[in-house]
């Protein structure tokens, strides 16, 4: 019989992390396939509005998108939200982390 190793205890099955904006919790998808696609998009030599929009679509579930859209953010603030979400799901230190 082949050797088997149970790594369940080493894995993190917690809920997705959230950003907080104006007291509202905004869920961010943190599954590995999403992270890998986002990292691929953002590693392109020229990251423009198209890549930012694609990353946004991948990272935020529909209810989070609705909350963000209700905030009527300026483009610069929208980019900050996307960048903060990327930092959150890739494990970079995020100011204001709880």
PDB file of N, CA and C in Angstrom:
ATOM      1  N   UNK A   1       0.848  -1.190   0.000  1.00  0.00           N
ATOM      2  CA  UNK A   1       0.000   0.000   0.000  1.00  0.00           C
ATOM      3  C   UNK A   1       0.886   1.243   0.000  1.00  0.00           C
ATOM      4  N   UNK A   2       0.481   2.233  -0.753  1.00  0.00           N
ATOM      5  CA  UNK A   2       1.236   3.483  -0.843  1.00  0.00           C
ATOM      6  C   UNK A   2       1.112   4.264   0.457  1.00  0.00           C
ATOM      7  N   UNK A   3       2.119   5.045   0.730  1.00  0.00           N
ATOM      8  CA  UNK A   3       2.122   5.889   1.928  1.00  0.00           C
ATOM      9  C   UNK A   3       1.072   6.991   1.778  1.00  0.00           C
ATOM     10  N   UNK A   4       0.322   7.243   2.842  1.00  0.00           N
ATOM     11  CA  UNK A   4      -0.659   8.323   2.846  1.00  0.00           C
ATOM     12  C   UNK A   4      -0.408   9.237   4.025  1.00  0.00           C
ATOM     13  N   UNK A   5      -0.662  10.528   3.821  1.00  0.00           N
ATOM     14  CA  UNK A   5      -0.455  11.523   4.863  1.00  0.00           C
ATOM     15  C   UNK A   5      -1.696  12.422   4.913  1.00  0.00           C
ATOM     16  N   UNK A   6      -2.287  12.558   6.083  1.00  0.00           N
ATOM     17  CA  UNK A   6      -3.454  13.425   6.256  1.00  0.00           C
ATOM     18  C   UNK A   6      -2.955  14.814   6.653  1.00  0.00           C
ATOM     19  N   UNK A   7      -3.174  15.804   5.779  1.00  0.00           N
ATOM     20  CA  UNK A   7      -2.707  17.170   6.041  1.00  0.00           C
ATOM     21  C   UNK A   7      -3.848  18.115   6.405  1.00  0.00           C
ATOM     22  N   UNK A   8      -5.000  17.573   6.694  1.00  0.00           N
ATOM     23  CA  UNK A   8      -6.187  18.381   6.976  1.00  0.00           C
ATOM     24  C   UNK A   8      -5.923  19.457   8.019  1.00  0.00           C
ATOM     25  N   UNK A   9      -5.223  19.108   9.085  1.00  0.00           N
ATOM     26  CA  UNK A   9      -4.964  20.076  10.163  1.00  0.00           C
ATOM     27  C   UNK A   9      -4.035  21.207   9.744  1.00  0.00           C
ATOM     28  N   UNK A  10      -3.305  21.028   8.668  1.00  0.00           N
ATOM     29  CA  UNK A  10      -2.398  22.067   8.193  1.00  0.00           C
ATOM     30  C   UNK A  10      -3.105  23.086   7.291  1.00  0.00           C
ATOM     31  N   UNK A  11      -4.334  22.772   6.899  1.00  0.00           N
ATOM     32  CA  UNK A  11      -5.060  23.622   5.954  1.00  0.00           C
ATOM     33  C   UNK A  11      -6.009  24.561   6.678  1.00  0.00           C
ATOM     34  N   UNK A  12      -6.268  25.688   6.056  1.00  0.00           N
ATOM     35  CA  UNK A  12      -7.135  26.723   6.623  1.00  0.00           C
ATOM     36  C   UNK A  12      -8.448  26.745   5.846  1.00  0.00           C
ATOM     37  N   UNK A  13      -9.523  26.322   6.497  1.00  0.00           N
ATOM     38  CA  UNK A  13     -10.830  26.288   5.846  1.00  0.00           C
ATOM     39  C   UNK A  13     -11.747  27.398   6.348  1.00  0.00           C
ATOM     40  N   UNK A  14     -11.167  28.449   6.900  1.00  0.00           N
ATOM     41  CA  UNK A  14     -11.957  29.560   7.420  1.00  0.00           C
ATOM     42  C   UNK A  14     -12.692  30.268   6.283  1.00  0.00           C
ATOM     43  N   UNK A  15     -13.632  31.108   6.674  1.00  0.00           N
ATOM     44  CA  UNK A  15     -14.382  31.899   5.698  1.00  0.00           C
ATOM     45  C   UNK A  15     -13.449  32.862   4.972  1.00  0.00           C
ATOM     46  N   UNK A  16     -13.956  33.416   3.889  1.00  0.00           N
ATOM     47  CA  UNK A  16     -13.195  34.413   3.141  1.00  0.00           C
ATOM     48  C   UNK A  16     -12.945  35.644   4.007  1.00  0.00           C
ATOM     49  N   UNK A  17     -11.816  36.329   3.787  1.00  0.00           N
ATOM     50  CA  UNK A  17     -11.556  37.565   4.524  1.00  0.00           C
ATOM     51  C   UNK A  17     -12.439  38.697   4.008  1.00  0.00           C
ATOM     52  N   UNK A  18     -12.493  39.776   4.768  1.00  0.00           N
ATOM     53  CA  UNK A  18     -13.325  40.921   4.402  1.00  0.00           C
ATOM     54  C   UNK A  18     -12.535  42.217   4.518  1.00  0.00           C
ATOM     55  N   UNK A  19     -12.868  43.156   3.653  1.00  0.00           N
ATOM     56  CA  UNK A  19     -12.432  44.539   3.793  1.00  0.00           C
ATOM     57  C   UNK A  19     -13.567  45.265   4.495  1.00  0.00           C
ATOM     58  N   UNK A  20     -13.257  46.301   5.232  1.00  0.00           N
ATOM     59  CA  UNK A  20     -14.292  47.126   5.837  1.00  0.00           C
ATOM     60  C   UNK A  20     -14.188  48.522   5.245  1.00  0.00           C
ATOM     61  N   UNK A  21     -15.291  48.978   4.677  1.00  0.00           N
ATOM     62  CA  UNK A  21     -15.357  50.314   4.089  1.00  0.00           C
ATOM     63  C   UNK A  21     -16.610  50.986   4.640  1.00  0.00           C
ATOM     64  N   UNK A  22     -16.408  52.109   5.298  1.00  0.00           N
ATOM     65  CA  UNK A  22     -17.523  52.851   5.899  1.00  0.00           C
ATOM     66  C   UNK A  22     -18.403  51.941   6.752  1.00  0.00           C
ATOM     67  N   UNK A  23     -17.760  51.082   7.529  1.00  0.00           N
ATOM     68  CA  UNK A  23     -18.472  50.194   8.435  1.00  0.00           C
ATOM     69  C   UNK A  23     -19.120  48.988   7.781  1.00  0.00           C
ATOM     70  N   UNK A  24     -18.985  48.855   6.481  1.00  0.00           N
ATOM     71  CA  UNK A  24     -19.580  47.719   5.759  1.00  0.00           C
ATOM     72  C   UNK A  24     -18.520  46.664   5.493  1.00  0.00           C
ATOM     73  N   UNK A  25     -18.832  45.404   5.799  1.00  0.00           N
ATOM     74  CA  UNK A  25     -17.915  44.315   5.510  1.00  0.00           C
ATOM     75  C   UNK A  25     -18.103  43.876   4.061  1.00  0.00           C
ATOM     76  N   UNK A  26     -16.989  43.804   3.360  1.00  0.00           N
ATOM     77  CA  UNK A  26     -17.016  43.417   1.959  1.00  0.00           C
ATOM     78  C   UNK A  26     -16.150  42.174   1.795  1.00  0.00           C
ATOM     79  N   UNK A  27     -16.800  41.062   1.498  1.00  0.00           N
ATOM     80  CA  UNK A  27     -16.119  39.776   1.363  1.00  0.00           C
ATOM     81  C   UNK A  27     -15.240  39.755   0.123  1.00  0.00           C
ATOM     82  N   UNK A  28     -14.081  39.095   0.260  1.00  0.00           N
ATOM     83  CA  UNK A  28     -13.137  38.950  -0.846  1.00  0.00           C
ATOM     84  C   UNK A  28     -12.873  37.459  -1.052  1.00  0.00           C
ATOM     85  N   UNK A  29     -13.066  36.979  -2.286  1.00  0.00           N
ATOM     86  CA  UNK A  29     -12.788  35.571  -2.583  1.00  0.00           C
ATOM     87  C   UNK A  29     -11.299  35.300  -2.388  1.00  0.00           C
ATOM     88  N   UNK A  30     -10.977  34.265  -1.623  1.00  0.00           N
ATOM     89  CA  UNK A  30      -9.560  33.993  -1.345  1.00  0.00           C
ATOM     90  C   UNK A  30      -9.137  32.579  -1.731  1.00  0.00           C
ATOM     91  N   UNK A  31      -9.926  31.925  -2.587  1.00  0.00           N
ATOM     92  CA  UNK A  31      -9.548  30.575  -3.002  1.00  0.00           C
ATOM     93  C   UNK A  31      -8.337  30.638  -3.937  1.00  0.00           C
ATOM     94  N   UNK A  32      -7.554  29.576  -3.934  1.00  0.00           N
ATOM     95  CA  UNK A  32      -6.299  29.545  -4.693  1.00  0.00           C
ATOM     96  C   UNK A  32      -6.475  29.836  -6.182  1.00  0.00           C
ATOM     97  N   UNK A  33      -7.457  29.233  -6.875  1.00  0.00           N
ATOM     98  CA  UNK A  33      -7.596  29.543  -8.301  1.00  0.00           C
ATOM     99  C   UNK A  33      -7.835  31.033  -8.563  1.00  0.00           C
ATOM    100  N   UNK A  34      -8.634  31.674  -7.714  1.00  0.00           N
ATOM    101  CA  UNK A  34      -8.884  33.112  -7.868  1.00  0.00           C
ATOM    102  C   UNK A  34      -7.601  33.897  -7.677  1.00  0.00           C
ATOM    103  N   UNK A  35      -6.866  33.579  -6.615  1.00  0.00           N
ATOM    104  CA  UNK A  35      -5.612  34.286  -6.327  1.00  0.00           C
ATOM    105  C   UNK A  35      -4.639  34.136  -7.490  1.00  0.00           C
ATOM    106  N   UNK A  36      -4.504  32.930  -8.010  1.00  0.00           N
ATOM    107  CA  UNK A  36      -3.566  32.703  -9.114  1.00  0.00           C
ATOM    108  C   UNK A  36      -3.954  33.497 -10.362  1.00  0.00           C
ATOM    109  N   UNK A  37      -5.255  33.534 -10.677  1.00  0.00           N
ATOM    110  CA  UNK A  37      -5.703  34.311 -11.845  1.00  0.00           C
ATOM    111  C   UNK A  37      -5.451  35.802 -11.642  1.00  0.00           C
ATOM    112  N   UNK A  38      -5.746  36.288 -10.434  1.00  0.00           N
ATOM    113  CA  UNK A  38      -5.539  37.717 -10.141  1.00  0.00           C
ATOM    114  C   UNK A  38      -4.054  38.054 -10.221  1.00  0.00           C
ATOM    115  N   UNK A  39      -3.221  37.207  -9.648  1.00  0.00           N
ATOM    116  CA  UNK A  39      -1.779  37.465  -9.689  1.00  0.00           C
ATOM    117  C   UNK A  39      -1.274  37.471 -11.130  1.00  0.00           C
ATOM    118  N   UNK A  40      -1.816  36.594 -11.961  1.00  0.00           N
ATOM    119  CA  UNK A  40      -1.445  36.573 -13.377  1.00  0.00           C
ATOM    120  C   UNK A  40      -1.845  37.860 -14.077  1.00  0.00           C
ATOM    121  N   UNK A  41      -3.033  38.341 -13.781  1.00  0.00           N
ATOM    122  CA  UNK A  41      -3.499  39.597 -14.382  1.00  0.00           C
ATOM    123  C   UNK A  41      -2.628  40.772 -13.967  1.00  0.00           C
ATOM    124  N   UNK A  42      -2.329  40.837 -12.684  1.00  0.00           N
ATOM    125  CA  UNK A  42      -1.630  42.000 -12.151  1.00  0.00           C
ATOM    126  C   UNK A  42      -0.116  41.948 -12.387  1.00  0.00           C
ATOM    127  N   UNK A  43       0.390  40.812 -12.857  1.00  0.00           N
ATOM    128  CA  UNK A  43       1.825  40.721 -13.112  1.00  0.00           C
ATOM    129  C   UNK A  43       2.176  41.121 -14.541  1.00  0.00           C
ATOM    130  N   UNK A  44       1.164  41.442 -15.324  1.00  0.00           N
ATOM    131  CA  UNK A  44       1.429  41.887 -16.695  1.00  0.00           C
ATOM    132  C   UNK A  44       2.225  43.181 -16.659  1.00  0.00           C
ATOM    133  N   UNK A  45       3.032  43.366 -17.696  1.00  0.00           N
ATOM    134  CA  UNK A  45       3.884  44.548 -17.752  1.00  0.00           C
ATOM    135  C   UNK A  45       3.074  45.840 -17.659  1.00  0.00           C
ATOM    136  N   UNK A  46       1.957  45.875 -18.361  1.00  0.00           N
ATOM    137  CA  UNK A  46       1.094  47.054 -18.296  1.00  0.00           C
ATOM    138  C   UNK A  46      -0.254  46.638 -17.725  1.00  0.00           C
ATOM    139  N   UNK A  47      -0.523  47.091 -16.507  1.00  0.00           N
ATOM    140  CA  UNK A  47      -1.800  46.808 -15.878  1.00  0.00           C
ATOM    141  C   UNK A  47      -2.688  48.024 -16.070  1.00  0.00           C
ATOM    142  N   UNK A  48      -3.784  47.829 -16.795  1.00  0.00           N
ATOM    143  CA  UNK A  48      -4.691  48.934 -17.074  1.00  0.00           C
ATOM    144  C   UNK A  48      -6.076  48.679 -16.522  1.00  0.00           C
ATOM    145  N   UNK A  49      -7.012  49.474 -16.987  1.00  0.00           N
ATOM    146  CA  UNK A  49      -8.392  49.395 -16.509  1.00  0.00           C
ATOM    147  C   UNK A  49      -8.989  48.011 -16.766  1.00  0.00           C
ATOM    148  N   UNK A  50      -8.647  47.386 -17.889  1.00  0.00           N
ATOM    149  CA  UNK A  50      -9.190  46.066 -18.218  1.00  0.00           C
ATOM    150  C   UNK A  50      -8.760  45.039 -17.177  1.00  0.00           C
ATOM    151  N   UNK A  51      -7.492  45.037 -16.804  1.00  0.00           N
ATOM    152  CA  UNK A  51      -6.983  44.078 -15.818  1.00  0.00           C
ATOM    153  C   UNK A  51      -7.577  44.345 -14.432  1.00  0.00           C
ATOM    154  N   UNK A  52      -7.733  45.622 -14.104  1.00  0.00           N
ATOM    155  CA  UNK A  52      -8.327  45.981 -12.811  1.00  0.00           C
ATOM    156  C   UNK A  52      -9.768  45.493 -12.754  1.00  0.00           C
ATOM    157  N   UNK A  53     -10.504  45.682 -13.846  1.00  0.00           N
ATOM    158  CA  UNK A  53     -11.900  45.229 -13.894  1.00  0.00           C
ATOM    159  C   UNK A  53     -11.986  43.704 -13.790  1.00  0.00           C
ATOM    160  N   UNK A  54     -11.105  42.993 -14.476  1.00  0.00           N
ATOM    161  CA  UNK A  54     -11.104  41.529 -14.410  1.00  0.00           C
ATOM    162  C   UNK A  54     -10.773  41.041 -13.001  1.00  0.00           C
ATOM    163  N   UNK A  55      -9.788  41.670 -12.373  1.00  0.00           N
ATOM    164  CA  UNK A  55      -9.429  41.298 -11.008  1.00  0.00           C
ATOM    165  C   UNK A  55     -10.601  41.542 -10.068  1.00  0.00           C
ATOM    166  N   UNK A  56     -11.266  42.664 -10.233  1.00  0.00           N
ATOM    167  CA  UNK A  56     -12.449  43.004  -9.434  1.00  0.00           C
ATOM    168  C   UNK A  56     -13.516  41.926  -9.594  1.00  0.00           C
ATOM    169  N   UNK A  57     -13.806  41.544 -10.830  1.00  0.00           N
ATOM    170  CA  UNK A  57     -14.821  40.526 -11.089  1.00  0.00           C
ATOM    171  C   UNK A  57     -14.470  39.183 -10.452  1.00  0.00           C
ATOM    172  N   UNK A  58     -13.200  38.836 -10.452  1.00  0.00           N
ATOM    173  CA  UNK A  58     -12.768  37.576  -9.858  1.00  0.00           C
ATOM    174  C   UNK A  58     -12.810  37.593  -8.327  1.00  0.00           C
ATOM    175  N   UNK A  59     -12.384  38.699  -7.737  1.00  0.00           N
ATOM    176  CA  UNK A  59     -12.183  38.745  -6.285  1.00  0.00           C
ATOM    177  C   UNK A  59     -13.439  38.966  -5.460  1.00  0.00           C
ATOM    178  N   UNK A  60     -14.427  39.633  -6.027  1.00  0.00           N
ATOM    179  CA  UNK A  60     -15.582  40.009  -5.221  1.00  0.00           C
ATOM    180  C   UNK A  60     -16.826  39.223  -5.629  1.00  0.00           C
ATOM    181  N   UNK A  61     -17.479  38.569  -4.651  1.00  0.00           N
ATOM    182  CA  UNK A  61     -18.758  37.929  -4.962  1.00  0.00           C
ATOM    183  C   UNK A  61     -19.817  38.990  -5.263  1.00  0.00           C
ATOM    184  N   UNK A  62     -20.910  38.585  -5.852  1.00  0.00           N
ATOM    185  CA  UNK A  62     -21.937  39.527  -6.322  1.00  0.00           C
ATOM    186  C   UNK A  62     -22.437  40.462  -5.224  1.00  0.00           C
ATOM    187  N   UNK A  63     -22.673  39.956  -4.016  1.00  0.00           N
ATOM    188  CA  UNK A  63     -23.173  40.841  -2.945  1.00  0.00           C
ATOM    189  C   UNK A  63     -22.135  41.895  -2.563  1.00  0.00           C
ATOM    190  N   UNK A  64     -20.869  41.555  -2.635  1.00  0.00           N
ATOM    191  CA  UNK A  64     -19.818  42.535  -2.351  1.00  0.00           C
ATOM    192  C   UNK A  64     -19.767  43.601  -3.444  1.00  0.00           C
ATOM    193  N   UNK A  65     -19.927  43.173  -4.697  1.00  0.00           N
ATOM    194  CA  UNK A  65     -19.932  44.126  -5.814  1.00  0.00           C
ATOM    195  C   UNK A  65     -21.082  45.121  -5.669  1.00  0.00           C
ATOM    196  N   UNK A  66     -22.238  44.628  -5.261  1.00  0.00           N
ATOM    197  CA  UNK A  66     -23.387  45.516  -5.078  1.00  0.00           C
ATOM    198  C   UNK A  66     -23.099  46.557  -4.001  1.00  0.00           C
ATOM    199  N   UNK A  67     -22.468  46.136  -2.914  1.00  0.00           N
ATOM    200  CA  UNK A  67     -22.116  47.062  -1.832  1.00  0.00           C
ATOM    201  C   UNK A  67     -21.120  48.107  -2.324  1.00  0.00           C
ATOM    202  N   UNK A  68     -20.107  47.666  -3.059  1.00  0.00           N
ATOM    203  CA  UNK A  68     -19.092  48.588  -3.583  1.00  0.00           C
ATOM    204  C   UNK A  68     -19.729  49.587  -4.551  1.00  0.00           C
ATOM    205  N   UNK A  69     -20.593  49.111  -5.419  1.00  0.00           N
ATOM    206  CA  UNK A  69     -21.234  49.996  -6.397  1.00  0.00           C
ATOM    207  C   UNK A  69     -22.104  51.053  -5.727  1.00  0.00           C
ATOM    208  N   UNK A  70     -22.744  50.712  -4.617  1.00  0.00           N
ATOM    209  CA  UNK A  70     -23.565  51.672  -3.878  1.00  0.00           C
ATOM    210  C   UNK A  70     -22.720  52.793  -3.270  1.00  0.00           C
ATOM    211  N   UNK A  71     -21.424  52.544  -3.071  1.00  0.00           N
ATOM    212  CA  UNK A  71     -20.541  53.560  -2.497  1.00  0.00           C
ATOM    213  C   UNK A  71     -20.204  54.668  -3.491  1.00  0.00           C
ATOM    214  N   UNK A  72     -20.426  54.413  -4.778  1.00  0.00           N
ATOM    215  CA  UNK A  72     -20.157  55.409  -5.830  1.00  0.00           C
ATOM    216  C   UNK A  72     -18.728  55.969  -5.718  1.00  0.00           C
ATOM    217  N   UNK A  73     -17.762  55.065  -5.674  1.00  0.00           N
ATOM    218  CA  UNK A  73     -16.358  55.453  -5.506  1.00  0.00           C
ATOM    219  C   UNK A  73     -15.806  56.128  -6.751  1.00  0.00           C
ATOM    220  N   UNK A  74     -14.883  57.029  -6.550  1.00  0.00           N
ATOM    221  CA  UNK A  74     -14.121  57.603  -7.656  1.00  0.00           C
ATOM    222  C   UNK A  74     -13.149  56.520  -8.124  1.00  0.00           C
ATOM    223  N   UNK A  75     -12.670  56.644  -9.349  1.00  0.00           N
ATOM    224  CA  UNK A  75     -11.810  55.605  -9.915  1.00  0.00           C
ATOM    225  C   UNK A  75     -10.583  55.343  -9.044  1.00  0.00           C
ATOM    226  N   UNK A  76      -9.964  56.392  -8.573  1.00  0.00           N
ATOM    227  CA  UNK A  76      -8.756  56.251  -7.737  1.00  0.00           C
ATOM    228  C   UNK A  76      -9.072  55.436  -6.471  1.00  0.00           C
ATOM    229  N   UNK A  77     -10.225  55.702  -5.851  1.00  0.00           N
ATOM    230  CA  UNK A  77     -10.635  54.965  -4.660  1.00  0.00           C
ATOM    231  C   UNK A  77     -10.977  53.516  -5.005  1.00  0.00           C
ATOM    232  N   UNK A  78     -11.591  53.327  -6.169  1.00  0.00           N
ATOM    233  CA  UNK A  78     -11.917  51.977  -6.631  1.00  0.00           C
ATOM    234  C   UNK A  78     -10.637  51.148  -6.790  1.00  0.00           C
ATOM    235  N   UNK A  79      -9.617  51.747  -7.386  1.00  0.00           N
ATOM    236  CA  UNK A  79      -8.330  51.070  -7.545  1.00  0.00           C
ATOM    237  C   UNK A  79      -7.737  50.729  -6.180  1.00  0.00           C
ATOM    238  N   UNK A  80      -7.876  51.628  -5.218  1.00  0.00           N
ATOM    239  CA  UNK A  80      -7.397  51.370  -3.857  1.00  0.00           C
ATOM    240  C   UNK A  80      -8.107  50.158  -3.262  1.00  0.00           C
ATOM    241  N   UNK A  81      -9.406  50.031  -3.493  1.00  0.00           N
ATOM    242  CA  UNK A  81     -10.164  48.879  -2.991  1.00  0.00           C
ATOM    243  C   UNK A  81      -9.625  47.593  -3.618  1.00  0.00           C
ATOM    244  N   UNK A  82      -9.427  47.598  -4.923  1.00  0.00           N
ATOM    245  CA  UNK A  82      -8.918  46.414  -5.623  1.00  0.00           C
ATOM    246  C   UNK A  82      -7.516  46.062  -5.121  1.00  0.00           C
ATOM    247  N   UNK A  83      -6.641  47.045  -4.997  1.00  0.00           N
ATOM    248  CA  UNK A  83      -5.285  46.791  -4.513  1.00  0.00           C
ATOM    249  C   UNK A  83      -5.295  46.271  -3.079  1.00  0.00           C
ATOM    250  N   UNK A  84      -6.165  46.807  -2.252  1.00  0.00           N
ATOM    251  CA  UNK A  84      -6.276  46.348  -0.863  1.00  0.00           C
ATOM    252  C   UNK A  84      -6.762  44.904  -0.805  1.00  0.00           C
ATOM    253  N   UNK A  85      -7.697  44.563  -1.685  1.00  0.00           N
ATOM    254  CA  UNK A  85      -8.196  43.185  -1.743  1.00  0.00           C
ATOM    255  C   UNK A  85      -7.090  42.229  -2.174  1.00  0.00           C
ATOM    256  N   UNK A  86      -6.283  42.653  -3.134  1.00  0.00           N
ATOM    257  CA  UNK A  86      -5.163  41.821  -3.583  1.00  0.00           C
ATOM    258  C   UNK A  86      -4.189  41.604  -2.427  1.00  0.00           C
ATOM    259  N   UNK A  87      -3.851  42.659  -1.717  1.00  0.00           N
ATOM    260  CA  UNK A  87      -2.951  42.539  -0.568  1.00  0.00           C
ATOM    261  C   UNK A  87      -3.537  41.607   0.487  1.00  0.00           C
ATOM    262  N   UNK A  88      -4.831  41.710   0.701  1.00  0.00           N
ATOM    263  CA  UNK A  88      -5.503  40.883   1.695  1.00  0.00           C
ATOM    264  C   UNK A  88      -5.433  39.402   1.339  1.00  0.00           C
ATOM    265  N   UNK A  89      -5.715  39.058   0.092  1.00  0.00           N
ATOM    266  CA  UNK A  89      -5.761  37.641  -0.277  1.00  0.00           C
ATOM    267  C   UNK A  89      -4.386  37.039  -0.552  1.00  0.00           C
ATOM    268  N   UNK A  90      -3.393  37.885  -0.831  1.00  0.00           N
ATOM    269  CA  UNK A  90      -2.048  37.337  -1.058  1.00  0.00           C
ATOM    270  C   UNK A  90      -1.227  37.290   0.226  1.00  0.00           C
ATOM    271  N   UNK A  91      -1.796  37.825   1.314  1.00  0.00           N
ATOM    272  CA  UNK A  91      -1.120  37.731   2.594  1.00  0.00           C
ATOM    273  C   UNK A  91      -0.187  38.887   2.917  1.00  0.00           C
ATOM    274  N   UNK A  92      -0.160  39.910   2.069  1.00  0.00           N
ATOM    275  CA  UNK A  92       0.643  41.083   2.383  1.00  0.00           C
ATOM    276  C   UNK A  92       0.045  41.784   3.592  1.00  0.00           C
ATOM    277  N   UNK A  93       0.877  42.462   4.354  1.00  0.00           N
ATOM    278  CA  UNK A  93       0.372  43.187   5.523  1.00  0.00           C
ATOM    279  C   UNK A  93      -0.571  44.277   5.076  1.00  0.00           C
ATOM    280  N   UNK A  94      -1.709  44.358   5.760  1.00  0.00           N
ATOM    281  CA  UNK A  94      -2.712  45.359   5.434  1.00  0.00           C
ATOM    282  C   UNK A  94      -2.926  46.277   6.613  1.00  0.00           C
ATOM    283  N   UNK A  95      -2.767  47.596   6.435  1.00  0.00           N
ATOM    284  CA  UNK A  95      -3.051  48.507   7.526  1.00  0.00           C
ATOM    285  C   UNK A  95      -4.500  48.367   7.971  1.00  0.00           C
ATOM    286  N   UNK A  96      -4.721  48.474   9.260  1.00  0.00           N
ATOM    287  CA  UNK A  96      -6.071  48.399   9.806  1.00  0.00           C
ATOM    288  C   UNK A  96      -6.573  46.979   9.973  1.00  0.00           C
ATOM    289  N   UNK A  97      -5.670  46.003   9.847  1.00  0.00           N
ATOM    290  CA  UNK A  97      -6.065  44.600   9.967  1.00  0.00           C
ATOM    291  C   UNK A  97      -6.541  44.309  11.387  1.00  0.00           C
ATOM    292  N   UNK A  98      -7.603  43.530  11.474  1.00  0.00           N
ATOM    293  CA  UNK A  98      -8.145  43.156  12.771  1.00  0.00           C
ATOM    294  C   UNK A  98      -7.969  41.685  13.027  1.00  0.00           C
TER     295      UNK A  98
END
